[in-house]
PDB file of all heavy atoms in Angstrom:
ATOM      1  N   ALA A   1      -1.980   9.756 -15.498  1.00  0.00           N
ATOM      2  CA  ALA A   1      -1.601  10.956 -14.757  1.00  0.00           C
ATOM      3  C   ALA A   1      -0.555  10.639 -13.697  1.00  0.00           C
ATOM      4  O   ALA A   1       0.338  11.459 -13.430  1.00  0.00           O
ATOM      5  CB  ALA A   1      -2.841  11.579 -14.107  1.00  0.00           C
ATOM      6  N   LEU A   2      -0.640   9.444 -13.099  1.00  0.00           N
ATOM      7  CA  LEU A   2       0.373   9.044 -12.119  1.00  0.00           C
ATOM      8  C   LEU A   2       1.748   8.943 -12.777  1.00  0.00           C
ATOM      9  O   LEU A   2       2.743   9.468 -12.257  1.00  0.00           O
ATOM     10  CB  LEU A   2      -0.012   7.707 -11.498  1.00  0.00           C
ATOM     11  CG  LEU A   2       1.052   7.064 -10.598  1.00  0.00           C
ATOM     12  CD1 LEU A   2       1.280   7.908  -9.357  1.00  0.00           C
ATOM     13  CD2 LEU A   2       0.660   5.640 -10.219  1.00  0.00           C
ATOM     14  N   LYS A   3       1.813   8.266 -13.915  1.00  0.00           N
ATOM     15  CA  LYS A   3       3.094   8.162 -14.619  1.00  0.00           C
ATOM     16  C   LYS A   3       3.600   9.525 -15.050  1.00  0.00           C
ATOM     17  O   LYS A   3       4.799   9.805 -14.997  1.00  0.00           O
ATOM     18  CB  LYS A   3       2.932   7.247 -15.835  1.00  0.00           C
ATOM     19  CG  LYS A   3       2.587   5.805 -15.496  1.00  0.00           C
ATOM     20  CD  LYS A   3       2.397   4.992 -16.765  1.00  0.00           C
ATOM     21  CE  LYS A   3       1.988   3.563 -16.440  1.00  0.00           C
ATOM     22  NZ  LYS A   3       1.746   2.766 -17.684  1.00  0.00           N
ATOM     23  N   LEU A   4       2.672  10.380 -15.487  1.00  0.00           N
ATOM     24  CA  LEU A   4       3.053  11.712 -15.930  1.00  0.00           C
ATOM     25  C   LEU A   4       3.646  12.530 -14.790  1.00  0.00           C
ATOM     26  O   LEU A   4       4.645  13.244 -14.973  1.00  0.00           O
ATOM     27  CB  LEU A   4       1.835  12.431 -16.512  1.00  0.00           C
ATOM     28  CG  LEU A   4       2.054  13.831 -17.077  1.00  0.00           C
ATOM     29  CD1 LEU A   4       2.911  13.767 -18.331  1.00  0.00           C
ATOM     30  CD2 LEU A   4       0.708  14.489 -17.371  1.00  0.00           C
ATOM     31  N   GLY A   5       3.039  12.408 -13.600  1.00  0.00           N
ATOM     32  CA  GLY A   5       3.484  13.227 -12.483  1.00  0.00           C
ATOM     33  C   GLY A   5       4.699  12.694 -11.770  1.00  0.00           C
ATOM     34  O   GLY A   5       5.567  13.467 -11.334  1.00  0.00           O
ATOM     35  N   VAL A   6       4.812  11.373 -11.636  1.00  0.00           N
ATOM     36  CA  VAL A   6       5.905  10.788 -10.854  1.00  0.00           C
ATOM     37  C   VAL A   6       7.131  10.521 -11.719  1.00  0.00           C
ATOM     38  O   VAL A   6       8.257  10.816 -11.327  1.00  0.00           O
ATOM     39  CB  VAL A   6       5.428   9.496 -10.152  1.00  0.00           C
ATOM     40  CG1 VAL A   6       6.568   8.856  -9.374  1.00  0.00           C
ATOM     41  CG2 VAL A   6       4.263   9.806  -9.221  1.00  0.00           C
ATOM     42  N   ASN A   7       6.931   9.949 -12.895  1.00  0.00           N
ATOM     43  CA  ASN A   7       8.084   9.625 -13.740  1.00  0.00           C
ATOM     44  C   ASN A   7       8.813  10.860 -14.239  1.00  0.00           C
ATOM     45  O   ASN A   7      10.001  10.796 -14.573  1.00  0.00           O
ATOM     46  CB  ASN A   7       7.640   8.768 -14.932  1.00  0.00           C
ATOM     47  CG  ASN A   7       7.317   7.344 -14.529  1.00  0.00           C
ATOM     48  OD1 ASN A   7       7.745   6.875 -13.473  1.00  0.00           O
ATOM     49  ND2 ASN A   7       6.568   6.649 -15.354  1.00  0.00           N
ATOM     50  N   SER A   8       8.110  11.991 -14.306  1.00  0.00           N
ATOM     51  CA  SER A   8       8.765  13.219 -14.761  1.00  0.00           C
ATOM     52  C   SER A   8       9.621  13.862 -13.677  1.00  0.00           C
ATOM     53  O   SER A   8      10.354  14.814 -13.959  1.00  0.00           O
ATOM     54  CB  SER A   8       7.709  14.224 -15.236  1.00  0.00           C
ATOM     55  OG  SER A   8       6.823  14.556 -14.170  1.00  0.00           O
ATOM     56  N   ASP A   9       9.524  13.363 -12.449  1.00  0.00           N
ATOM     57  CA  ASP A   9      10.301  13.899 -11.335  1.00  0.00           C
ATOM     58  C   ASP A   9      11.231  12.802 -10.835  1.00  0.00           C
ATOM     59  O   ASP A   9      10.790  11.821 -10.227  1.00  0.00           O
ATOM     60  CB  ASP A   9       9.369  14.370 -10.226  1.00  0.00           C
ATOM     61  CG  ASP A   9      10.087  15.192  -9.167  1.00  0.00           C
ATOM     62  OD1 ASP A   9      11.315  15.055  -9.052  1.00  0.00           O
ATOM     63  OD2 ASP A   9       9.419  15.965  -8.456  1.00  0.00           O
ATOM     64  N   ALA A  10      12.520  12.952 -11.086  1.00  0.00           N
ATOM     65  CA  ALA A  10      13.477  11.904 -10.721  1.00  0.00           C
ATOM     66  C   ALA A  10      13.542  11.682  -9.214  1.00  0.00           C
ATOM     67  O   ALA A  10      13.880  10.579  -8.764  1.00  0.00           O
ATOM     68  CB  ALA A  10      14.869  12.264 -11.255  1.00  0.00           C
ATOM     69  N   ASN A  11      13.209  12.685  -8.419  1.00  0.00           N
ATOM     70  CA  ASN A  11      13.277  12.538  -6.964  1.00  0.00           C
ATOM     71  C   ASN A  11      12.198  11.601  -6.434  1.00  0.00           C
ATOM     72  O   ASN A  11      12.412  10.898  -5.439  1.00  0.00           O
ATOM     73  CB  ASN A  11      13.145  13.898  -6.293  1.00  0.00           C
ATOM     74  CG  ASN A  11      14.313  14.815  -6.620  1.00  0.00           C
ATOM     75  OD1 ASN A  11      15.458  14.378  -6.691  1.00  0.00           O
ATOM     76  ND2 ASN A  11      14.025  16.098  -6.829  1.00  0.00           N
ATOM     77  N   TRP A  12      11.033  11.588  -7.078  1.00  0.00           N
ATOM     78  CA  TRP A  12       9.927  10.761  -6.608  1.00  0.00           C
ATOM     79  C   TRP A  12       9.756   9.485  -7.423  1.00  0.00           C
ATOM     80  O   TRP A  12       8.934   8.648  -7.086  1.00  0.00           O
ATOM     81  CB  TRP A  12       8.623  11.556  -6.657  1.00  0.00           C
ATOM     82  CG  TRP A  12       8.558  12.682  -5.684  1.00  0.00           C
ATOM     83  CD1 TRP A  12       8.655  13.999  -5.951  1.00  0.00           C
ATOM     84  CD2 TRP A  12       8.388  12.583  -4.266  1.00  0.00           C
ATOM     85  NE1 TRP A  12       8.550  14.750  -4.807  1.00  0.00           N
ATOM     86  CE2 TRP A  12       8.377  13.892  -3.747  1.00  0.00           C
ATOM     87  CE3 TRP A  12       8.239  11.509  -3.379  1.00  0.00           C
ATOM     88  CZ2 TRP A  12       8.232  14.167  -2.400  1.00  0.00           C
ATOM     89  CZ3 TRP A  12       8.081  11.782  -2.030  1.00  0.00           C
ATOM     90  CH2 TRP A  12       8.088  13.096  -1.555  1.00  0.00           C
ATOM     91  N   ARG A  13      10.502   9.331  -8.493  1.00  0.00           N
ATOM     92  CA  ARG A  13      10.327   8.176  -9.378  1.00  0.00           C
ATOM     93  C   ARG A  13      10.489   6.833  -8.658  1.00  0.00           C
ATOM     94  O   ARG A  13       9.752   5.896  -8.955  1.00  0.00           O
ATOM     95  CB  ARG A  13      11.307   8.272 -10.541  1.00  0.00           C
ATOM     96  CG  ARG A  13      11.013   7.324 -11.687  1.00  0.00           C
ATOM     97  CD  ARG A  13      12.009   7.545 -12.800  1.00  0.00           C
ATOM     98  NE  ARG A  13      11.970   8.925 -13.267  1.00  0.00           N
ATOM     99  CZ  ARG A  13      12.944   9.502 -13.971  1.00  0.00           C
ATOM    100  NH1 ARG A  13      14.037   8.810 -14.272  1.00  0.00           N
ATOM    101  NH2 ARG A  13      12.824  10.759 -14.371  1.00  0.00           N
ATOM    102  N   PRO A  14      11.416   6.672  -7.697  1.00  0.00           N
ATOM    103  CA  PRO A  14      11.546   5.363  -7.028  1.00  0.00           C
ATOM    104  C   PRO A  14      10.328   4.969  -6.193  1.00  0.00           C
ATOM    105  O   PRO A  14      10.222   3.813  -5.778  1.00  0.00           O
ATOM    106  CB  PRO A  14      12.789   5.544  -6.146  1.00  0.00           C
ATOM    107  CG  PRO A  14      13.531   6.690  -6.734  1.00  0.00           C
ATOM    108  CD  PRO A  14      12.481   7.595  -7.281  1.00  0.00           C
ATOM    109  N   TYR A  15       9.412   5.908  -5.945  1.00  0.00           N
ATOM    110  CA  TYR A  15       8.282   5.638  -5.047  1.00  0.00           C
ATOM    111  C   TYR A  15       6.960   5.603  -5.803  1.00  0.00           C
ATOM    112  O   TYR A  15       5.900   5.888  -5.246  1.00  0.00           O
ATOM    113  CB  TYR A  15       8.235   6.702  -3.941  1.00  0.00           C
ATOM    114  CG  TYR A  15       9.563   6.914  -3.282  1.00  0.00           C
ATOM    115  CD1 TYR A  15      10.317   8.062  -3.531  1.00  0.00           C
ATOM    116  CD2 TYR A  15      10.097   5.950  -2.430  1.00  0.00           C
ATOM    117  CE1 TYR A  15      11.547   8.254  -2.948  1.00  0.00           C
ATOM    118  CE2 TYR A  15      11.337   6.131  -1.834  1.00  0.00           C
ATOM    119  CZ  TYR A  15      12.063   7.282  -2.098  1.00  0.00           C
ATOM    120  OH  TYR A  15      13.297   7.452  -1.513  1.00  0.00           O
ATOM    121  N   ILE A  16       7.024   5.207  -7.070  1.00  0.00           N
ATOM    122  CA  ILE A  16       5.798   5.156  -7.861  1.00  0.00           C
ATOM    123  C   ILE A  16       4.876   4.043  -7.399  1.00  0.00           C
ATOM    124  O   ILE A  16       3.662   4.095  -7.594  1.00  0.00           O
ATOM    125  CB  ILE A  16       6.141   4.989  -9.365  1.00  0.00           C
ATOM    126  CG1 ILE A  16       4.904   5.267 -10.216  1.00  0.00           C
ATOM    127  CG2 ILE A  16       6.729   3.601  -9.632  1.00  0.00           C
ATOM    128  CD1 ILE A  16       5.186   5.297 -11.708  1.00  0.00           C
ATOM    129  N   ILE A  17       5.439   3.017  -6.742  1.00  0.00           N
ATOM    130  CA  ILE A  17       4.603   1.902  -6.278  1.00  0.00           C
ATOM    131  C   ILE A  17       3.583   2.392  -5.255  1.00  0.00           C
ATOM    132  O   ILE A  17       2.437   1.927  -5.226  1.00  0.00           O
ATOM    133  CB  ILE A  17       5.490   0.777  -5.674  1.00  0.00           C
ATOM    134  CG1 ILE A  17       4.643  -0.425  -5.309  1.00  0.00           C
ATOM    135  CG2 ILE A  17       6.274   1.280  -4.483  1.00  0.00           C
ATOM    136  CD1 ILE A  17       4.005  -1.115  -6.468  1.00  0.00           C
ATOM    137  N   GLU A  18       3.966   3.368  -4.409  1.00  0.00           N
ATOM    138  CA  GLU A  18       3.012   3.926  -3.454  1.00  0.00           C
ATOM    139  C   GLU A  18       1.882   4.655  -4.185  1.00  0.00           C
ATOM    140  O   GLU A  18       0.731   4.624  -3.748  1.00  0.00           O
ATOM    141  CB  GLU A  18       3.723   4.873  -2.488  1.00  0.00           C
ATOM    142  CG  GLU A  18       4.570   4.186  -1.425  1.00  0.00           C
ATOM    143  CD  GLU A  18       5.959   3.834  -1.932  1.00  0.00           C
ATOM    144  OE1 GLU A  18       6.175   3.891  -3.170  1.00  0.00           O
ATOM    145  OE2 GLU A  18       6.836   3.506  -1.103  1.00  0.00           O
ATOM    146  N   GLY A  19       2.224   5.304  -5.291  1.00  0.00           N
ATOM    147  CA  GLY A  19       1.182   5.942  -6.087  1.00  0.00           C
ATOM    148  C   GLY A  19       0.218   4.942  -6.691  1.00  0.00           C
ATOM    149  O   GLY A  19      -0.994   5.189  -6.748  1.00  0.00           O
ATOM    150  N   TYR A  20       0.746   3.792  -7.112  1.00  0.00           N
ATOM    151  CA  TYR A  20      -0.136   2.761  -7.647  1.00  0.00           C
ATOM    152  C   TYR A  20      -1.069   2.212  -6.564  1.00  0.00           C
ATOM    153  O   TYR A  20      -2.220   1.879  -6.845  1.00  0.00           O
ATOM    154  CB  TYR A  20       0.689   1.620  -8.249  1.00  0.00           C
ATOM    155  CG  TYR A  20       1.159   1.894  -9.651  1.00  0.00           C
ATOM    156  CD1 TYR A  20       2.515   1.938  -9.958  1.00  0.00           C
ATOM    157  CD2 TYR A  20       0.257   2.121 -10.685  1.00  0.00           C
ATOM    158  CE1 TYR A  20       2.954   2.191 -11.248  1.00  0.00           C
ATOM    159  CE2 TYR A  20       0.679   2.383 -11.969  1.00  0.00           C
ATOM    160  CZ  TYR A  20       2.033   2.419 -12.248  1.00  0.00           C
ATOM    161  OH  TYR A  20       2.456   2.675 -13.523  1.00  0.00           O
ATOM    162  N   PHE A  21      -0.587   2.110  -5.339  1.00  0.00           N
ATOM    163  CA  PHE A  21      -1.462   1.685  -4.240  1.00  0.00           C
ATOM    164  C   PHE A  21      -2.588   2.702  -4.029  1.00  0.00           C
ATOM    165  O   PHE A  21      -3.734   2.321  -3.756  1.00  0.00           O
ATOM    166  CB  PHE A  21      -0.658   1.514  -2.947  1.00  0.00           C
ATOM    167  CG  PHE A  21       0.034   0.193  -2.830  1.00  0.00           C
ATOM    168  CD1 PHE A  21       1.411   0.111  -2.744  1.00  0.00           C
ATOM    169  CD2 PHE A  21      -0.697  -0.991  -2.809  1.00  0.00           C
ATOM    170  CE1 PHE A  21       2.055  -1.104  -2.642  1.00  0.00           C
ATOM    171  CE2 PHE A  21      -0.067  -2.221  -2.698  1.00  0.00           C
ATOM    172  CZ  PHE A  21       1.316  -2.278  -2.621  1.00  0.00           C
ATOM    173  N   PHE A  22      -2.276   3.971  -4.157  1.00  0.00           N
ATOM    174  CA  PHE A  22      -3.287   5.018  -4.012  1.00  0.00           C
ATOM    175  C   PHE A  22      -4.350   4.905  -5.103  1.00  0.00           C
ATOM    176  O   PHE A  22      -5.559   4.987  -4.840  1.00  0.00           O
ATOM    177  CB  PHE A  22      -2.606   6.387  -4.049  1.00  0.00           C
ATOM    178  CG  PHE A  22      -3.554   7.547  -4.008  1.00  0.00           C
ATOM    179  CD1 PHE A  22      -4.363   7.774  -2.908  1.00  0.00           C
ATOM    180  CD2 PHE A  22      -3.638   8.437  -5.080  1.00  0.00           C
ATOM    181  CE1 PHE A  22      -5.239   8.852  -2.865  1.00  0.00           C
ATOM    182  CE2 PHE A  22      -4.509   9.506  -5.051  1.00  0.00           C
ATOM    183  CZ  PHE A  22      -5.306   9.712  -3.943  1.00  0.00           C
ATOM    184  N   ILE A  23      -3.921   4.685  -6.335  1.00  0.00           N
ATOM    185  CA  ILE A  23      -4.860   4.524  -7.443  1.00  0.00           C
ATOM    186  C   ILE A  23      -5.676   3.247  -7.276  1.00  0.00           C
ATOM    187  O   ILE A  23      -6.882   3.223  -7.547  1.00  0.00           O
ATOM    188  CB  ILE A  23      -4.100   4.526  -8.775  1.00  0.00           C
ATOM    189  CG1 ILE A  23      -3.554   5.909  -9.070  1.00  0.00           C
ATOM    190  CG2 ILE A  23      -5.006   4.085  -9.918  1.00  0.00           C
ATOM    191  CD1 ILE A  23      -2.741   5.989 -10.328  1.00  0.00           C
ATOM    192  N   ALA A  24      -5.004   2.174  -6.831  1.00  0.00           N
ATOM    193  CA  ALA A  24      -5.725   0.920  -6.609  1.00  0.00           C
ATOM    194  C   ALA A  24      -6.830   1.091  -5.571  1.00  0.00           C
ATOM    195  O   ALA A  24      -7.911   0.502  -5.697  1.00  0.00           O
ATOM    196  CB  ALA A  24      -4.748  -0.171  -6.160  1.00  0.00           C
ATOM    197  N   LEU A  25      -6.573   1.920  -4.557  1.00  0.00           N
ATOM    198  CA  LEU A  25      -7.600   2.185  -3.548  1.00  0.00           C
ATOM    199  C   LEU A  25      -8.799   2.895  -4.169  1.00  0.00           C
ATOM    200  O   LEU A  25      -9.958   2.566  -3.865  1.00  0.00           O
ATOM    201  CB  LEU A  25      -7.010   3.023  -2.417  1.00  0.00           C
ATOM    202  CG  LEU A  25      -7.980   3.439  -1.309  1.00  0.00           C
ATOM    203  CD1 LEU A  25      -8.533   2.199  -0.596  1.00  0.00           C
ATOM    204  CD2 LEU A  25      -7.291   4.368  -0.309  1.00  0.00           C
ATOM    205  N   ILE A  26      -8.550   3.850  -5.065  1.00  0.00           N
ATOM    206  CA  ILE A  26      -9.646   4.562  -5.733  1.00  0.00           C
ATOM    207  C   ILE A  26     -10.461   3.591  -6.583  1.00  0.00           C
ATOM    208  O   ILE A  26     -11.695   3.575  -6.531  1.00  0.00           O
ATOM    209  CB  ILE A  26      -9.094   5.715  -6.586  1.00  0.00           C
ATOM    210  CG1 ILE A  26      -8.424   6.764  -5.697  1.00  0.00           C
ATOM    211  CG2 ILE A  26     -10.218   6.353  -7.400  1.00  0.00           C
ATOM    212  CD1 ILE A  26      -7.766   7.884  -6.471  1.00  0.00           C
ATOM    213  N   TYR A  27      -9.773   2.769  -7.380  1.00  0.00           N
ATOM    214  CA  TYR A  27     -10.469   1.788  -8.205  1.00  0.00           C
ATOM    215  C   TYR A  27     -11.261   0.813  -7.338  1.00  0.00           C
ATOM    216  O   TYR A  27     -12.391   0.428  -7.683  1.00  0.00           O
ATOM    217  CB  TYR A  27      -9.475   1.028  -9.075  1.00  0.00           C
ATOM    218  CG  TYR A  27      -9.131   1.716 -10.364  1.00  0.00           C
ATOM    219  CD1 TYR A  27      -7.900   2.350 -10.536  1.00  0.00           C
ATOM    220  CD2 TYR A  27     -10.024   1.744 -11.430  1.00  0.00           C
ATOM    221  CE1 TYR A  27      -7.577   2.986 -11.725  1.00  0.00           C
ATOM    222  CE2 TYR A  27      -9.716   2.380 -12.617  1.00  0.00           C
ATOM    223  CZ  TYR A  27      -8.487   3.003 -12.757  1.00  0.00           C
ATOM    224  OH  TYR A  27      -8.182   3.632 -13.922  1.00  0.00           O
ATOM    225  N   PHE A  28     -10.680   0.393  -6.212  1.00  0.00           N
ATOM    226  CA  PHE A  28     -11.372  -0.556  -5.336  1.00  0.00           C
ATOM    227  C   PHE A  28     -12.649   0.042  -4.770  1.00  0.00           C
ATOM    228  O   PHE A  28     -13.682  -0.634  -4.710  1.00  0.00           O
ATOM    229  CB  PHE A  28     -10.453  -0.996  -4.197  1.00  0.00           C
ATOM    230  CG  PHE A  28     -11.135  -1.875  -3.183  1.00  0.00           C
ATOM    231  CD1 PHE A  28     -11.344  -3.220  -3.438  1.00  0.00           C
ATOM    232  CD2 PHE A  28     -11.589  -1.356  -1.979  1.00  0.00           C
ATOM    233  CE1 PHE A  28     -11.980  -4.029  -2.514  1.00  0.00           C
ATOM    234  CE2 PHE A  28     -12.223  -2.148  -1.052  1.00  0.00           C
ATOM    235  CZ  PHE A  28     -12.422  -3.501  -1.321  1.00  0.00           C
ATOM    236  N   VAL A  29     -12.609   1.296  -4.364  1.00  0.00           N
ATOM    237  CA  VAL A  29     -13.803   1.938  -3.787  1.00  0.00           C
ATOM    238  C   VAL A  29     -14.928   1.965  -4.815  1.00  0.00           C
ATOM    239  O   VAL A  29     -16.081   1.604  -4.515  1.00  0.00           O
ATOM    240  CB  VAL A  29     -13.459   3.362  -3.302  1.00  0.00           C
ATOM    241  CG1 VAL A  29     -14.724   4.125  -2.958  1.00  0.00           C
ATOM    242  CG2 VAL A  29     -12.533   3.301  -2.097  1.00  0.00           C
ATOM    243  N   PHE A  30     -14.628   2.352  -6.040  1.00  0.00           N
ATOM    244  CA  PHE A  30     -15.664   2.424  -7.077  1.00  0.00           C
ATOM    245  C   PHE A  30     -16.159   1.027  -7.458  1.00  0.00           C
ATOM    246  O   PHE A  30     -17.375   0.797  -7.563  1.00  0.00           O
ATOM    247  CB  PHE A  30     -15.126   3.155  -8.305  1.00  0.00           C
ATOM    248  CG  PHE A  30     -15.150   4.647  -8.191  1.00  0.00           C
ATOM    249  CD1 PHE A  30     -14.052   5.344  -7.718  1.00  0.00           C
ATOM    250  CD2 PHE A  30     -16.281   5.371  -8.549  1.00  0.00           C
ATOM    251  CE1 PHE A  30     -14.067   6.726  -7.606  1.00  0.00           C
ATOM    252  CE2 PHE A  30     -16.315   6.739  -8.452  1.00  0.00           C
ATOM    253  CZ  PHE A  30     -15.208   7.424  -7.972  1.00  0.00           C
ATOM    254  N   CYS A  31     -15.243   0.088  -7.661  1.00  0.00           N
ATOM    255  CA  CYS A  31     -15.645  -1.259  -8.088  1.00  0.00           C
ATOM    256  C   CYS A  31     -16.388  -1.996  -6.986  1.00  0.00           C
ATOM    257  O   CYS A  31     -17.369  -2.700  -7.249  1.00  0.00           O
ATOM    258  CB  CYS A  31     -14.427  -2.058  -8.535  1.00  0.00           C
ATOM    259  SG  CYS A  31     -13.622  -1.421 -10.013  1.00  0.00           S
ATOM    260  N   PHE A  32     -15.958  -1.829  -5.740  1.00  0.00           N
ATOM    261  CA  PHE A  32     -16.652  -2.475  -4.630  1.00  0.00           C
ATOM    262  C   PHE A  32     -18.052  -1.892  -4.456  1.00  0.00           C
ATOM    263  O   PHE A  32     -19.008  -2.627  -4.171  1.00  0.00           O
ATOM    264  CB  PHE A  32     -15.848  -2.314  -3.339  1.00  0.00           C
ATOM    265  CG  PHE A  32     -16.462  -3.001  -2.154  1.00  0.00           C
ATOM    266  CD1 PHE A  32     -16.395  -4.377  -2.019  1.00  0.00           C
ATOM    267  CD2 PHE A  32     -17.121  -2.270  -1.180  1.00  0.00           C
ATOM    268  CE1 PHE A  32     -16.963  -5.016  -0.929  1.00  0.00           C
ATOM    269  CE2 PHE A  32     -17.692  -2.889  -0.087  1.00  0.00           C
ATOM    270  CZ  PHE A  32     -17.615  -4.273   0.035  1.00  0.00           C
ATOM    271  N   SER A  33     -18.187  -0.593  -4.662  1.00  0.00           N
ATOM    272  CA  SER A  33     -19.515   0.027  -4.566  1.00  0.00           C
ATOM    273  C   SER A  33     -20.441  -0.521  -5.645  1.00  0.00           C
ATOM    274  O   SER A  33     -21.617  -0.806  -5.378  1.00  0.00           O
ATOM    275  CB  SER A  33     -19.383   1.552  -4.695  1.00  0.00           C
ATOM    276  OG  SER A  33     -18.556   2.083  -3.682  1.00  0.00           O
ATOM    277  N   MET A  34     -19.935  -0.677  -6.865  1.00  0.00           N
ATOM    278  CA  MET A  34     -20.752  -1.243  -7.930  1.00  0.00           C
ATOM    279  C   MET A  34     -21.127  -2.695  -7.628  1.00  0.00           C
ATOM    280  O   MET A  34     -22.245  -3.134  -7.921  1.00  0.00           O
ATOM    281  CB  MET A  34     -20.008  -1.144  -9.266  1.00  0.00           C
ATOM    282  CG  MET A  34     -19.956   0.257  -9.831  1.00  0.00           C
ATOM    283  SD  MET A  34     -19.306   0.326 -11.517  1.00  0.00           S
ATOM    284  CE  MET A  34     -17.563   0.159 -11.201  1.00  0.00           C
ATOM    285  N   SER A  35     -20.195  -3.441  -7.043  1.00  0.00           N
ATOM    286  CA  SER A  35     -20.484  -4.830  -6.705  1.00  0.00           C
ATOM    287  C   SER A  35     -21.579  -4.931  -5.642  1.00  0.00           C
ATOM    288  O   SER A  35     -22.502  -5.751  -5.757  1.00  0.00           O
ATOM    289  CB  SER A  35     -19.210  -5.513  -6.210  1.00  0.00           C
ATOM    290  OG  SER A  35     -19.473  -6.836  -5.805  1.00  0.00           O
ATOM    291  N   ARG A  36     -21.502  -4.085  -4.609  1.00  0.00           N
ATOM    292  CA  ARG A  36     -22.532  -4.113  -3.564  1.00  0.00           C
ATOM    293  C   ARG A  36     -23.880  -3.656  -4.121  1.00  0.00           C
ATOM    294  O   ARG A  36     -24.929  -4.177  -3.733  1.00  0.00           O
ATOM    295  CB  ARG A  36     -22.122  -3.215  -2.402  1.00  0.00           C
ATOM    296  CG  ARG A  36     -20.832  -3.610  -1.725  1.00  0.00           C
ATOM    297  CD  ARG A  36     -20.829  -5.054  -1.268  1.00  0.00           C
ATOM    298  NE  ARG A  36     -21.911  -5.313  -0.317  1.00  0.00           N
ATOM    299  CZ  ARG A  36     -22.178  -6.507   0.199  1.00  0.00           C
ATOM    300  NH1 ARG A  36     -21.468  -7.561  -0.190  1.00  0.00           N
ATOM    301  NH2 ARG A  36     -23.147  -6.654   1.057  1.00  0.00           N
ATOM    302  N   TYR A  37     -23.860  -2.679  -5.021  1.00  0.00           N
ATOM    303  CA  TYR A  37     -25.114  -2.248  -5.635  1.00  0.00           C
ATOM    304  C   TYR A  37     -25.718  -3.372  -6.469  1.00  0.00           C
ATOM    305  O   TYR A  37     -26.942  -3.544  -6.500  1.00  0.00           O
ATOM    306  CB  TYR A  37     -24.874  -1.022  -6.499  1.00  0.00           C
ATOM    307  CG  TYR A  37     -26.114  -0.509  -7.184  1.00  0.00           C
ATOM    308  CD1 TYR A  37     -27.135   0.092  -6.447  1.00  0.00           C
ATOM    309  CD2 TYR A  37     -26.282  -0.646  -8.554  1.00  0.00           C
ATOM    310  CE1 TYR A  37     -28.282   0.552  -7.073  1.00  0.00           C
ATOM    311  CE2 TYR A  37     -27.425  -0.183  -9.186  1.00  0.00           C
ATOM    312  CZ  TYR A  37     -28.421   0.416  -8.435  1.00  0.00           C
ATOM    313  OH  TYR A  37     -29.565   0.856  -9.065  1.00  0.00           O
ATOM    314  N   SER A  38     -24.867  -4.146  -7.129  1.00  0.00           N
ATOM    315  CA  SER A  38     -25.357  -5.292  -7.890  1.00  0.00           C
ATOM    316  C   SER A  38     -26.042  -6.298  -6.975  1.00  0.00           C
ATOM    317  O   SER A  38     -27.095  -6.866  -7.333  1.00  0.00           O
ATOM    318  CB  SER A  38     -24.193  -5.953  -8.633  1.00  0.00           C
ATOM    319  OG  SER A  38     -24.599  -7.148  -9.259  1.00  0.00           O
ATOM    320  N   ARG A  39     -25.471  -6.534  -5.803  1.00  0.00           N
ATOM    321  CA  ARG A  39     -26.099  -7.453  -4.844  1.00  0.00           C
ATOM    322  C   ARG A  39     -27.468  -6.937  -4.419  1.00  0.00           C
ATOM    323  O   ARG A  39     -28.426  -7.709  -4.272  1.00  0.00           O
ATOM    324  CB  ARG A  39     -25.194  -7.609  -3.616  1.00  0.00           C
ATOM    325  CG  ARG A  39     -23.880  -8.298  -3.897  1.00  0.00           C
ATOM    326  CD  ARG A  39     -24.061  -9.783  -4.093  1.00  0.00           C
ATOM    327  NE  ARG A  39     -24.622 -10.396  -2.903  1.00  0.00           N
ATOM    328  CZ  ARG A  39     -23.901 -10.844  -1.875  1.00  0.00           C
ATOM    329  NH1 ARG A  39     -22.578 -10.729  -1.905  1.00  0.00           N
ATOM    330  NH2 ARG A  39     -24.472 -11.413  -0.843  1.00  0.00           N
ATOM    331  N   TRP A  40     -27.569  -5.623  -4.221  1.00  0.00           N
ATOM    332  CA  TRP A  40     -28.853  -5.047  -3.812  1.00  0.00           C
ATOM    333  C   TRP A  40     -29.883  -5.205  -4.929  1.00  0.00           C
ATOM    334  O   TRP A  40     -31.047  -5.539  -4.669  1.00  0.00           O
ATOM    335  CB  TRP A  40     -28.659  -3.574  -3.475  1.00  0.00           C
ATOM    336  CG  TRP A  40     -29.942  -2.876  -3.115  1.00  0.00           C
ATOM    337  CD1 TRP A  40     -30.581  -2.909  -1.907  1.00  0.00           C
ATOM    338  CD2 TRP A  40     -30.745  -2.053  -3.983  1.00  0.00           C
ATOM    339  NE1 TRP A  40     -31.735  -2.156  -1.959  1.00  0.00           N
ATOM    340  CE2 TRP A  40     -31.859  -1.617  -3.221  1.00  0.00           C
ATOM    341  CE3 TRP A  40     -30.630  -1.649  -5.300  1.00  0.00           C
ATOM    342  CZ2 TRP A  40     -32.835  -0.803  -3.753  1.00  0.00           C
ATOM    343  CZ3 TRP A  40     -31.603  -0.837  -5.834  1.00  0.00           C
ATOM    344  CH2 TRP A  40     -32.692  -0.412  -5.064  1.00  0.00           C
ATOM    345  N   VAL A  41     -29.477  -4.951  -6.177  1.00  0.00           N
ATOM    346  CA  VAL A  41     -30.402  -5.113  -7.298  1.00  0.00           C
ATOM    347  C   VAL A  41     -30.857  -6.555  -7.418  1.00  0.00           C
ATOM    348  O   VAL A  41     -32.042  -6.836  -7.670  1.00  0.00           O
ATOM    349  CB  VAL A  41     -29.740  -4.631  -8.605  1.00  0.00           C
ATOM    350  CG1 VAL A  41     -30.628  -4.954  -9.804  1.00  0.00           C
ATOM    351  CG2 VAL A  41     -29.468  -3.136  -8.547  1.00  0.00           C
ATOM    352  N   GLU A  42     -29.948  -7.507  -7.224  1.00  0.00           N
ATOM    353  CA  GLU A  42     -30.320  -8.926  -7.283  1.00  0.00           C
ATOM    354  C   GLU A  42     -31.377  -9.256  -6.228  1.00  0.00           C
ATOM    355  O   GLU A  42     -32.337  -9.989  -6.508  1.00  0.00           O
ATOM    356  CB  GLU A  42     -29.083  -9.788  -7.071  1.00  0.00           C
ATOM    357  CG  GLU A  42     -28.138  -9.844  -8.240  1.00  0.00           C
ATOM    358  CD  GLU A  42     -26.987 -10.794  -7.975  1.00  0.00           C
ATOM    359  OE1 GLU A  42     -27.224 -12.011  -7.948  1.00  0.00           O
ATOM    360  OE2 GLU A  42     -25.857 -10.311  -7.781  1.00  0.00           O
ATOM    361  N   LYS A  43     -31.211  -8.743  -5.038  1.00  0.00           N
ATOM    362  CA  LYS A  43     -32.199  -9.002  -3.993  1.00  0.00           C
ATOM    363  C   LYS A  43     -33.556  -8.409  -4.346  1.00  0.00           C
ATOM    364  O   LYS A  43     -34.600  -9.002  -4.064  1.00  0.00           O
ATOM    365  CB  LYS A  43     -31.705  -8.441  -2.658  1.00  0.00           C
ATOM    366  CG  LYS A  43     -30.506  -9.170  -2.088  1.00  0.00           C
ATOM    367  CD  LYS A  43     -30.083  -8.560  -0.759  1.00  0.00           C
ATOM    368  CE  LYS A  43     -28.874  -9.287  -0.189  1.00  0.00           C
ATOM    369  NZ  LYS A  43     -28.437  -8.685   1.111  1.00  0.00           N
TER     370      LYS A  43
END
């Protein structure tokens, strides 16, 4: 969806790296939450 939205707009295409940082933050929140839950289950 990021590529679809940013690459289709030539005005915002040079700033797709900021969009990837935004997506990376979303992935990090979910993956970090799963990792902490795994630690709790281990305990």
